[in-house]
C-alpha cells in the first residue's frame, strides 16, 4: 500500500531539498513512507508556538511571583537529576 498525500511544500522542505517529493503549483506530493516528515514539522511548529505563548504568560506574571518562583528558577539550572556522563 503506497498512498500519496498532498501538502503545502513549506511543510516538507527537507524532502524538497532531497528531491523526495513531486512539486506541482506549490503542493508537494509525499509518499506514505515519508509522511513522518509532515508530522515532525507540525509538532515542531506547535511546540515552538506553545513555548512562546507560555514564556510570554510567564514573564507577564514574573514580577508578581518573583518572591515565590525566583529561588526555584535560579537553582533549576544547577539541579540535574540524570546520570553523570563525565569521566
Protein backbone atom coordinates (compact mmCIF):
# COMPACT_ATOMS: atom_id res chain seq x y z
CA UNK A 1 0.00 0.00 0.00
CA UNK A 2 1.60 3.16 -1.14
CA UNK A 3 -0.53 6.24 -0.55
CA UNK A 4 0.41 9.75 -1.61
CA UNK A 5 -0.52 12.85 0.38
CA UNK A 6 -0.75 16.40 -0.93
CA UNK A 7 0.63 19.03 1.47
CA UNK A 8 1.99 22.58 1.12
CA UNK A 9 5.66 22.34 0.18
CA UNK A 10 6.65 24.54 3.15
CA UNK A 11 5.79 21.65 5.46
CA UNK A 12 8.30 19.27 3.87
CA UNK A 13 11.30 21.41 2.99
CA UNK A 14 13.67 18.62 4.00
CA UNK A 15 12.02 16.31 1.48
CA UNK A 16 12.03 19.04 -1.18
CA UNK A 17 15.74 19.63 -0.71
CA UNK A 18 16.47 15.93 -1.03
CA UNK A 19 14.12 15.66 -4.05
CA UNK A 20 11.90 13.02 -2.47
CA UNK A 21 8.60 14.72 -3.40
CA UNK A 22 6.85 15.81 -6.55
CA UNK A 23 6.12 19.54 -6.63
CA UNK A 24 3.14 20.89 -8.55
CA UNK A 25 1.96 24.51 -8.12
CA UNK A 26 3.19 24.88 -4.55
CA UNK A 27 1.93 21.50 -3.39
CA UNK A 28 4.18 18.60 -2.52
CA UNK A 29 3.06 15.04 -3.12
CA UNK A 30 4.51 12.95 -0.29
CA UNK A 31 4.68 9.16 -0.23
CA UNK A 32 3.29 7.47 2.88
CA UNK A 33 6.76 6.26 3.86
CA UNK A 34 7.87 9.92 4.17
CA UNK A 35 4.78 11.30 5.93
CA UNK A 36 6.67 11.33 9.23
CA UNK A 37 8.36 14.49 7.97
CA UNK A 38 4.97 16.25 7.92
CA UNK A 39 4.22 15.08 11.45
CA UNK A 40 7.60 16.27 12.74
CA UNK A 41 7.19 19.66 11.07
CA UNK A 42 3.74 20.16 12.61
CA UNK A 43 4.98 19.03 16.02
CA UNK A 44 7.89 21.47 15.96
CA UNK A 45 5.67 24.30 14.81
CA UNK A 46 3.12 23.71 17.57
CA UNK A 47 5.79 23.18 20.22
CA UNK A 48 7.53 26.42 19.29
CA UNK A 49 4.25 28.35 19.28
CA UNK A 50 3.18 27.00 22.67
CA UNK A 51 6.59 27.59 24.26
CA UNK A 52 6.46 31.19 23.07
CA UNK A 53 2.95 31.65 24.47
CA UNK A 54 3.98 30.14 27.80
CA UNK A 55 7.09 32.30 28.01
CA UNK A 56 5.02 35.43 27.41
CA UNK A 57 2.48 34.38 30.04
CA UNK A 58 5.26 33.59 32.50
CA UNK A 59 7.05 36.92 32.06
CA UNK A 60 3.74 38.76 32.38
CA UNK A 61 3.37 37.32 35.89
CA UNK A 62 7.05 37.12 36.76
CA UNK A 63 7.07 40.25 38.91
CA UNK A 64 4.05 39.10 40.93
CA UNK A 65 5.55 35.67 41.55
CA UNK A 66 9.23 36.59 41.80
CA UNK A 67 9.47 36.02 45.56
CA UNK A 68 7.96 32.57 45.29
CA UNK A 69 9.46 31.36 42.00
CA UNK A 70 12.76 33.24 41.92
CA UNK A 71 14.80 30.88 44.12
CA UNK A 72 13.34 27.84 42.40
CA UNK A 73 14.24 29.09 38.94
CA UNK A 74 17.72 30.20 39.98
CA UNK A 75 18.52 26.72 41.31
CA UNK A 76 16.84 24.90 38.43
CA UNK A 77 19.88 25.15 36.19
CA UNK A 78 22.05 23.54 38.86
CA UNK A 79 19.67 20.68 39.62
CA UNK A 80 20.48 17.91 37.15
CA UNK A 81 18.99 14.62 38.24
CA UNK A 82 20.11 12.41 35.37
CA UNK A 83 23.15 10.18 35.13
CA UNK A 84 26.60 11.74 35.02
CA UNK A 85 28.35 11.34 31.66
CA UNK A 86 31.61 12.93 32.79
CA UNK A 87 34.65 10.74 33.20
